[in-house]
Amino acid sequence: GEIIAMARRLSDRNADMHAGIWDKSAVGAHEVRG
């Protein structure tokens, strides 16, 4: 779960959302496949 969360930078997206920031971007987000 943490590998996927880090690859998708979910902790950063979560913090942004709690701060009221809507940053819908694929920058820095990756699949773990491959």
PDB file of all heavy atoms in Angstrom:
ATOM      1  N   GLY A   1       0.814  -1.208   0.000  1.00  0.00           N
ATOM      2  CA  GLY A   1       0.000   0.000   0.000  1.00  0.00           C
ATOM      3  C   GLY A   1       0.848   1.258   0.000  1.00  0.00           C
ATOM      4  O   GLY A   1       0.537   2.239  -0.692  1.00  0.00           O
ATOM      5  N   GLU A   2       1.944   1.240   0.745  1.00  0.00           N
ATOM      6  CA  GLU A   2       2.806   2.416   0.825  1.00  0.00           C
ATOM      7  C   GLU A   2       3.603   2.611  -0.458  1.00  0.00           C
ATOM      8  O   GLU A   2       3.866   3.757  -0.860  1.00  0.00           O
ATOM      9  CB  GLU A   2       3.720   2.290   2.044  1.00  0.00           C
ATOM     10  CG  GLU A   2       2.943   2.407   3.345  1.00  0.00           C
ATOM     11  CD  GLU A   2       3.818   2.344   4.580  1.00  0.00           C
ATOM     12  OE1 GLU A   2       4.873   1.661   4.535  1.00  0.00           O
ATOM     13  OE2 GLU A   2       3.457   2.959   5.587  1.00  0.00           O
ATOM     14  N   ILE A   3       3.987   1.531  -1.111  1.00  0.00           N
ATOM     15  CA  ILE A   3       4.663   1.668  -2.405  1.00  0.00           C
ATOM     16  C   ILE A   3       3.746   2.377  -3.399  1.00  0.00           C
ATOM     17  O   ILE A   3       4.155   3.311  -4.107  1.00  0.00           O
ATOM     18  CB  ILE A   3       5.097   0.285  -2.944  1.00  0.00           C
ATOM     19  CG1 ILE A   3       6.246  -0.271  -2.094  1.00  0.00           C
ATOM     20  CG2 ILE A   3       5.519   0.384  -4.406  1.00  0.00           C
ATOM     21  CD1 ILE A   3       6.584  -1.720  -2.408  1.00  0.00           C
ATOM     22  N   ILE A   4       2.499   1.940  -3.455  1.00  0.00           N
ATOM     23  CA  ILE A   4       1.534   2.577  -4.358  1.00  0.00           C
ATOM     24  C   ILE A   4       1.287   4.023  -3.951  1.00  0.00           C
ATOM     25  O   ILE A   4       1.256   4.932  -4.791  1.00  0.00           O
ATOM     26  CB  ILE A   4       0.217   1.785  -4.368  1.00  0.00           C
ATOM     27  CG1 ILE A   4       0.437   0.392  -4.976  1.00  0.00           C
ATOM     28  CG2 ILE A   4      -0.862   2.538  -5.131  1.00  0.00           C
ATOM     29  CD1 ILE A   4      -0.739  -0.540  -4.835  1.00  0.00           C
ATOM     30  N   ALA A   5       1.131   4.260  -2.633  1.00  0.00           N
ATOM     31  CA  ALA A   5       0.859   5.617  -2.158  1.00  0.00           C
ATOM     32  C   ALA A   5       2.005   6.571  -2.490  1.00  0.00           C
ATOM     33  O   ALA A   5       1.780   7.716  -2.897  1.00  0.00           O
ATOM     34  CB  ALA A   5       0.601   5.605  -0.652  1.00  0.00           C
ATOM     35  N   MET A   6       3.250   6.098  -2.342  1.00  0.00           N
ATOM     36  CA  MET A   6       4.394   6.961  -2.657  1.00  0.00           C
ATOM     37  C   MET A   6       4.513   7.186  -4.165  1.00  0.00           C
ATOM     38  O   MET A   6       4.811   8.297  -4.603  1.00  0.00           O
ATOM     39  CB  MET A   6       5.684   6.354  -2.100  1.00  0.00           C
ATOM     40  CG  MET A   6       5.816   6.448  -0.597  1.00  0.00           C
ATOM     41  SD  MET A   6       7.473   5.975  -0.037  1.00  0.00           S
ATOM     42  CE  MET A   6       7.482   4.219  -0.390  1.00  0.00           C
ATOM     43  N   ALA A   7       4.301   6.119  -4.953  1.00  0.00           N
ATOM     44  CA  ALA A   7       4.394   6.265  -6.403  1.00  0.00           C
ATOM     45  C   ALA A   7       3.355   7.254  -6.934  1.00  0.00           C
ATOM     46  O   ALA A   7       3.605   7.961  -7.910  1.00  0.00           O
ATOM     47  CB  ALA A   7       4.224   4.907  -7.084  1.00  0.00           C
ATOM     48  N   ARG A   8       2.196   7.315  -6.277  1.00  0.00           N
ATOM     49  CA  ARG A   8       1.144   8.243  -6.684  1.00  0.00           C
ATOM     50  C   ARG A   8       1.180   9.549  -5.896  1.00  0.00           C
ATOM     51  O   ARG A   8       0.348  10.439  -6.128  1.00  0.00           O
ATOM     52  CB  ARG A   8      -0.221   7.577  -6.496  1.00  0.00           C
ATOM     53  CG  ARG A   8      -0.454   6.343  -7.357  1.00  0.00           C
ATOM     54  CD  ARG A   8      -0.506   6.668  -8.834  1.00  0.00           C
ATOM     55  NE  ARG A   8      -1.641   7.523  -9.169  1.00  0.00           N
ATOM     56  CZ  ARG A   8      -2.854   7.063  -9.469  1.00  0.00           C
ATOM     57  NH1 ARG A   8      -3.094   5.755  -9.467  1.00  0.00           N
ATOM     58  NH2 ARG A   8      -3.827   7.897  -9.778  1.00  0.00           N
ATOM     59  N   ARG A   9       2.114   9.666  -4.946  1.00  0.00           N
ATOM     60  CA  ARG A   9       2.267  10.853  -4.080  1.00  0.00           C
ATOM     61  C   ARG A   9       0.934  11.180  -3.390  1.00  0.00           C
ATOM     62  O   ARG A   9       0.496  12.334  -3.316  1.00  0.00           O
ATOM     63  CB  ARG A   9       2.773  12.055  -4.895  1.00  0.00           C
ATOM     64  CG  ARG A   9       4.121  11.815  -5.567  1.00  0.00           C
ATOM     65  CD  ARG A   9       4.734  13.092  -6.098  1.00  0.00           C
ATOM     66  NE  ARG A   9       5.182  13.963  -5.002  1.00  0.00           N
ATOM     67  CZ  ARG A   9       6.402  13.926  -4.475  1.00  0.00           C
ATOM     68  NH1 ARG A   9       7.280  13.028  -4.896  1.00  0.00           N
ATOM     69  NH2 ARG A   9       6.728  14.758  -3.525  1.00  0.00           N
ATOM     70  N   LEU A  10       0.313  10.153  -2.853  1.00  0.00           N
ATOM     71  CA  LEU A  10      -0.991  10.332  -2.228  1.00  0.00           C
ATOM     72  C   LEU A  10      -0.926  11.152  -0.945  1.00  0.00           C
ATOM     73  O   LEU A  10      -1.869  11.883  -0.625  1.00  0.00           O
ATOM     74  CB  LEU A  10      -1.620   8.959  -1.928  1.00  0.00           C
ATOM     75  CG  LEU A  10      -1.966   8.092  -3.138  1.00  0.00           C
ATOM     76  CD1 LEU A  10      -2.707   6.835  -2.700  1.00  0.00           C
ATOM     77  CD2 LEU A  10      -2.818   8.875  -4.140  1.00  0.00           C
ATOM     78  N   SER A  11       0.186  11.036  -0.205  1.00  0.00           N
ATOM     79  CA  SER A  11       0.281  11.822   1.027  1.00  0.00           C
ATOM     80  C   SER A  11       0.287  13.316   0.719  1.00  0.00           C
ATOM     81  O   SER A  11      -0.340  14.123   1.426  1.00  0.00           O
ATOM     82  CB  SER A  11       1.545  11.434   1.813  1.00  0.00           C
ATOM     83  OG  SER A  11       2.713  11.669   1.050  1.00  0.00           O
ATOM     84  N   ASP A  12       0.963  13.722  -0.377  1.00  0.00           N
ATOM     85  CA  ASP A  12       0.982  15.134  -0.760  1.00  0.00           C
ATOM     86  C   ASP A  12      -0.393  15.588  -1.243  1.00  0.00           C
ATOM     87  O   ASP A  12      -0.866  16.674  -0.904  1.00  0.00           O
ATOM     88  CB  ASP A  12       2.019  15.360  -1.867  1.00  0.00           C
ATOM     89  CG  ASP A  12       3.434  15.133  -1.375  1.00  0.00           C
ATOM     90  OD1 ASP A  12       3.634  15.027  -0.156  1.00  0.00           O
ATOM     91  OD2 ASP A  12       4.345  15.050  -2.223  1.00  0.00           O
ATOM     92  N   ARG A  13      -1.051  14.740  -2.077  1.00  0.00           N
ATOM     93  CA  ARG A  13      -2.385  15.099  -2.575  1.00  0.00           C
ATOM     94  C   ARG A  13      -3.384  15.191  -1.429  1.00  0.00           C
ATOM     95  O   ARG A  13      -4.263  16.072  -1.413  1.00  0.00           O
ATOM     96  CB  ARG A  13      -2.856  14.050  -3.585  1.00  0.00           C
ATOM     97  CG  ARG A  13      -1.996  13.870  -4.821  1.00  0.00           C
ATOM     98  CD  ARG A  13      -2.032  15.081  -5.754  1.00  0.00           C
ATOM     99  NE  ARG A  13      -1.164  16.169  -5.326  1.00  0.00           N
ATOM    100  CZ  ARG A  13       0.153  16.183  -5.491  1.00  0.00           C
ATOM    101  NH1 ARG A  13       0.755  15.167  -6.071  1.00  0.00           N
ATOM    102  NH2 ARG A  13       0.872  17.226  -5.088  1.00  0.00           N
ATOM    103  N   ASN A  14      -3.244  14.289  -0.445  1.00  0.00           N
ATOM    104  CA  ASN A  14      -4.132  14.315   0.712  1.00  0.00           C
ATOM    105  C   ASN A  14      -3.940  15.590   1.526  1.00  0.00           C
ATOM    106  O   ASN A  14      -4.903  16.245   1.939  1.00  0.00           O
ATOM    107  CB  ASN A  14      -3.873  13.075   1.583  1.00  0.00           C
ATOM    108  CG  ASN A  14      -4.718  13.046   2.835  1.00  0.00           C
ATOM    109  OD1 ASN A  14      -5.934  12.917   2.781  1.00  0.00           O
ATOM    110  ND2 ASN A  14      -4.071  13.156   3.977  1.00  0.00           N
ATOM    111  N   ALA A  15      -2.669  15.951   1.749  1.00  0.00           N
ATOM    112  CA  ALA A  15      -2.390  17.175   2.515  1.00  0.00           C
ATOM    113  C   ALA A  15      -2.935  18.400   1.791  1.00  0.00           C
ATOM    114  O   ALA A  15      -3.489  19.316   2.420  1.00  0.00           O
ATOM    115  CB  ALA A  15      -0.888  17.308   2.751  1.00  0.00           C
ATOM    116  N   ASP A  16      -2.771  18.440   0.470  1.00  0.00           N
ATOM    117  CA  ASP A  16      -3.298  19.571  -0.305  1.00  0.00           C
ATOM    118  C   ASP A  16      -4.810  19.681  -0.153  1.00  0.00           C
ATOM    119  O   ASP A  16      -5.355  20.781   0.050  1.00  0.00           O
ATOM    120  CB  ASP A  16      -2.948  19.398  -1.786  1.00  0.00           C
ATOM    121  CG  ASP A  16      -1.478  19.647  -2.076  1.00  0.00           C
ATOM    122  OD1 ASP A  16      -0.793  20.213  -1.206  1.00  0.00           O
ATOM    123  OD2 ASP A  16      -1.017  19.264  -3.170  1.00  0.00           O
ATOM    124  N   MET A  17      -5.497  18.575  -0.270  1.00  0.00           N
ATOM    125  CA  MET A  17      -6.956  18.591  -0.190  1.00  0.00           C
ATOM    126  C   MET A  17      -7.438  19.050   1.176  1.00  0.00           C
ATOM    127  O   MET A  17      -8.397  19.830   1.294  1.00  0.00           O
ATOM    128  CB  MET A  17      -7.517  17.207  -0.514  1.00  0.00           C
ATOM    129  CG  MET A  17      -7.344  16.796  -1.965  1.00  0.00           C
ATOM    130  SD  MET A  17      -8.348  17.777  -3.102  1.00  0.00           S
ATOM    131  CE  MET A  17      -9.969  17.068  -2.798  1.00  0.00           C
ATOM    132  N   HIS A  18      -6.766  18.603   2.230  1.00  0.00           N
ATOM    133  CA  HIS A  18      -7.143  19.049   3.574  1.00  0.00           C
ATOM    134  C   HIS A  18      -6.870  20.531   3.763  1.00  0.00           C
ATOM    135  O   HIS A  18      -7.514  21.184   4.595  1.00  0.00           O
ATOM    136  CB  HIS A  18      -6.393  18.227   4.626  1.00  0.00           C
ATOM    137  CG  HIS A  18      -7.003  16.886   4.899  1.00  0.00           C
ATOM    138  ND1 HIS A  18      -8.126  16.710   5.670  1.00  0.00           N
ATOM    139  CD2 HIS A  18      -6.653  15.645   4.481  1.00  0.00           C
ATOM    140  CE1 HIS A  18      -8.443  15.429   5.735  1.00  0.00           C
ATOM    141  NE2 HIS A  18      -7.558  14.750   5.013  1.00  0.00           N
ATOM    142  N   ALA A  19      -5.912  21.060   2.990  1.00  0.00           N
ATOM    143  CA  ALA A  19      -5.616  22.495   3.050  1.00  0.00           C
ATOM    144  C   ALA A  19      -6.471  23.301   2.077  1.00  0.00           C
ATOM    145  O   ALA A  19      -6.283  24.506   1.926  1.00  0.00           O
ATOM    146  CB  ALA A  19      -4.134  22.724   2.757  1.00  0.00           C
ATOM    147  N   GLY A  20      -7.392  22.626   1.364  1.00  0.00           N
ATOM    148  CA  GLY A  20      -8.270  23.326   0.439  1.00  0.00           C
ATOM    149  C   GLY A  20      -7.683  23.551  -0.932  1.00  0.00           C
ATOM    150  O   GLY A  20      -8.188  24.379  -1.703  1.00  0.00           O
ATOM    151  N   ILE A  21      -6.630  22.816  -1.288  1.00  0.00           N
ATOM    152  CA  ILE A  21      -5.960  22.994  -2.581  1.00  0.00           C
ATOM    153  C   ILE A  21      -6.362  21.863  -3.520  1.00  0.00           C
ATOM    154  O   ILE A  21      -6.158  20.676  -3.208  1.00  0.00           O
ATOM    155  CB  ILE A  21      -4.425  23.003  -2.401  1.00  0.00           C
ATOM    156  CG1 ILE A  21      -4.006  24.135  -1.470  1.00  0.00           C
ATOM    157  CG2 ILE A  21      -3.725  23.119  -3.756  1.00  0.00           C
ATOM    158  CD1 ILE A  21      -2.539  24.073  -1.066  1.00  0.00           C
ATOM    159  N   TRP A  22      -6.924  22.217  -4.676  1.00  0.00           N
ATOM    160  CA  TRP A  22      -7.322  21.240  -5.691  1.00  0.00           C
ATOM    161  C   TRP A  22      -6.265  21.218  -6.780  1.00  0.00           C
ATOM    162  O   TRP A  22      -6.217  22.075  -7.652  1.00  0.00           O
ATOM    163  CB  TRP A  22      -8.697  21.621  -6.258  1.00  0.00           C
ATOM    164  CG  TRP A  22      -9.225  20.672  -7.286  1.00  0.00           C
ATOM    165  CD1 TRP A  22      -8.947  20.671  -8.619  1.00  0.00           C
ATOM    166  CD2 TRP A  22     -10.137  19.597  -7.068  1.00  0.00           C
ATOM    167  NE1 TRP A  22      -9.623  19.666  -9.251  1.00  0.00           N
ATOM    168  CE2 TRP A  22     -10.369  18.980  -8.315  1.00  0.00           C
ATOM    169  CE3 TRP A  22     -10.801  19.097  -5.940  1.00  0.00           C
ATOM    170  CZ2 TRP A  22     -11.222  17.897  -8.465  1.00  0.00           C
ATOM    171  CZ3 TRP A  22     -11.644  18.021  -6.090  1.00  0.00           C
ATOM    172  CH2 TRP A  22     -11.853  17.433  -7.336  1.00  0.00           C
ATOM    173  N   ASP A  23      -5.355  20.212  -6.708  1.00  0.00           N
ATOM    174  CA  ASP A  23      -4.252  20.140  -7.663  1.00  0.00           C
ATOM    175  C   ASP A  23      -4.371  18.846  -8.453  1.00  0.00           C
ATOM    176  O   ASP A  23      -3.731  17.839  -8.151  1.00  0.00           O
ATOM    177  CB  ASP A  23      -2.910  20.193  -6.916  1.00  0.00           C
ATOM    178  CG  ASP A  23      -1.724  20.201  -7.867  1.00  0.00           C
ATOM    179  OD1 ASP A  23      -1.938  20.374  -9.085  1.00  0.00           O
ATOM    180  OD2 ASP A  23      -0.598  20.019  -7.384  1.00  0.00           O
ATOM    181  N   LYS A  24      -5.220  18.858  -9.469  1.00  0.00           N
ATOM    182  CA  LYS A  24      -5.465  17.661 -10.280  1.00  0.00           C
ATOM    183  C   LYS A  24      -4.384  17.578 -11.353  1.00  0.00           C
ATOM    184  O   LYS A  24      -4.500  18.134 -12.433  1.00  0.00           O
ATOM    185  CB  LYS A  24      -6.856  17.734 -10.917  1.00  0.00           C
ATOM    186  CG  LYS A  24      -7.284  16.464 -11.647  1.00  0.00           C
ATOM    187  CD  LYS A  24      -8.708  16.607 -12.159  1.00  0.00           C
ATOM    188  CE  LYS A  24      -9.179  15.324 -12.824  1.00  0.00           C
ATOM    189  NZ  LYS A  24      -8.377  14.953 -13.988  1.00  0.00           N
ATOM    190  N   SER A  25      -3.307  16.859 -11.008  1.00  0.00           N
ATOM    191  CA  SER A  25      -2.155  16.794 -11.907  1.00  0.00           C
ATOM    192  C   SER A  25      -1.554  15.401 -11.863  1.00  0.00           C
ATOM    193  O   SER A  25      -1.559  14.738 -10.822  1.00  0.00           O
ATOM    194  CB  SER A  25      -1.104  17.820 -11.498  1.00  0.00           C
ATOM    195  OG  SER A  25       0.093  17.648 -12.227  1.00  0.00           O
ATOM    196  N   ALA A  26      -1.017  14.957 -12.977  1.00  0.00           N
ATOM    197  CA  ALA A  26      -0.334  13.670 -13.052  1.00  0.00           C
ATOM    198  C   ALA A  26       1.171  13.802 -12.828  1.00  0.00           C
ATOM    199  O   ALA A  26       1.883  12.799 -12.835  1.00  0.00           O
ATOM    200  CB  ALA A  26      -0.590  13.022 -14.404  1.00  0.00           C
ATOM    201  N   VAL A  27       1.654  15.021 -12.604  1.00  0.00           N
ATOM    202  CA  VAL A  27       3.090  15.243 -12.436  1.00  0.00           C
ATOM    203  C   VAL A  27       3.582  14.492 -11.199  1.00  0.00           C
ATOM    204  O   VAL A  27       3.050  14.656 -10.108  1.00  0.00           O
ATOM    205  CB  VAL A  27       3.396  16.745 -12.305  1.00  0.00           C
ATOM    206  CG1 VAL A  27       4.892  16.952 -12.010  1.00  0.00           C
ATOM    207  CG2 VAL A  27       2.998  17.474 -13.577  1.00  0.00           C
ATOM    208  N   GLY A  28       4.593  13.671 -11.379  1.00  0.00           N
ATOM    209  CA  GLY A  28       5.185  12.935 -10.263  1.00  0.00           C
ATOM    210  C   GLY A  28       4.436  11.686  -9.862  1.00  0.00           C
ATOM    211  O   GLY A  28       4.858  10.981  -8.940  1.00  0.00           O
ATOM    212  N   ALA A  29       3.315  11.375 -10.517  1.00  0.00           N
ATOM    213  CA  ALA A  29       2.521  10.192 -10.174  1.00  0.00           C
ATOM    214  C   ALA A  29       2.803   9.082 -11.177  1.00  0.00           C
ATOM    215  O   ALA A  29       2.785   9.306 -12.395  1.00  0.00           O
ATOM    216  CB  ALA A  29       1.032  10.534 -10.165  1.00  0.00           C
ATOM    217  N   HIS A  30       3.065   7.866 -10.658  1.00  0.00           N
ATOM    218  CA  HIS A  30       3.452   6.754 -11.521  1.00  0.00           C
ATOM    219  C   HIS A  30       2.712   5.482 -11.125  1.00  0.00           C
ATOM    220  O   HIS A  30       2.340   5.294  -9.962  1.00  0.00           O
ATOM    221  CB  HIS A  30       4.963   6.488 -11.427  1.00  0.00           C
ATOM    222  CG  HIS A  30       5.799   7.656 -11.826  1.00  0.00           C
ATOM    223  ND1 HIS A  30       6.122   7.943 -13.133  1.00  0.00           N
ATOM    224  CD2 HIS A  30       6.377   8.642 -11.071  1.00  0.00           C
ATOM    225  CE1 HIS A  30       6.869   9.017 -13.180  1.00  0.00           C
ATOM    226  NE2 HIS A  30       7.035   9.477 -11.941  1.00  0.00           N
ATOM    227  N   GLU A  31       2.533   4.585 -12.085  1.00  0.00           N
ATOM    228  CA  GLU A  31       2.083   3.238 -11.786  1.00  0.00           C
ATOM    229  C   GLU A  31       3.242   2.444 -11.191  1.00  0.00           C
ATOM    230  O   GLU A  31       4.407   2.736 -11.453  1.00  0.00           O
ATOM    231  CB  GLU A  31       1.605   2.528 -13.050  1.00  0.00           C
ATOM    232  CG  GLU A  31       0.359   3.117 -13.679  1.00  0.00           C
ATOM    233  CD  GLU A  31      -0.083   2.344 -14.917  1.00  0.00           C
ATOM    234  OE1 GLU A  31       0.676   1.439 -15.356  1.00  0.00           O
ATOM    235  OE2 GLU A  31      -1.177   2.643 -15.434  1.00  0.00           O
ATOM    236  N   VAL A  32       2.903   1.423 -10.402  1.00  0.00           N
ATOM    237  CA  VAL A  32       3.960   0.544  -9.907  1.00  0.00           C
ATOM    238  C   VAL A  32       4.233  -0.584 -10.892  1.00  0.00           C
ATOM    239  O   VAL A  32       5.297  -1.214 -10.841  1.00  0.00           O
ATOM    240  CB  VAL A  32       3.619  -0.040  -8.520  1.00  0.00           C
ATOM    241  CG1 VAL A  32       3.467   1.066  -7.503  1.00  0.00           C
ATOM    242  CG2 VAL A  32       2.382  -0.919  -8.566  1.00  0.00           C
ATOM    243  N   ARG A  33       3.303  -0.861 -11.780  1.00  0.00           N
ATOM    244  CA  ARG A  33       3.519  -1.874 -12.801  1.00  0.00           C
ATOM    245  C   ARG A  33       4.748  -1.515 -13.633  1.00  0.00           C
ATOM    246  O   ARG A  33       4.891  -0.397 -14.117  1.00  0.00           O
ATOM    247  CB  ARG A  33       2.288  -1.972 -13.708  1.00  0.00           C
ATOM    248  CG  ARG A  33       2.426  -3.006 -14.822  1.00  0.00           C
ATOM    249  CD  ARG A  33       1.184  -3.060 -15.679  1.00  0.00           C
ATOM    250  NE  ARG A  33       0.845  -1.747 -16.243  1.00  0.00           N
ATOM    251  CZ  ARG A  33      -0.141  -1.561 -17.115  1.00  0.00           C
ATOM    252  NH1 ARG A  33      -0.902  -2.585 -17.494  1.00  0.00           N
ATOM    253  NH2 ARG A  33      -0.380  -0.341 -17.587  1.00  0.00           N
ATOM    254  N   GLY A  34       5.648  -2.473 -13.750  1.00  0.00           N
ATOM    255  CA  GLY A  34       6.873  -2.260 -14.531  1.00  0.00           C
ATOM    256  C   GLY A  34       8.025  -1.711 -13.719  1.00  0.00           C
ATOM    257  O   GLY A  34       9.162  -1.706 -14.199  1.00  0.00           O
TER     258      GLY A  34
END
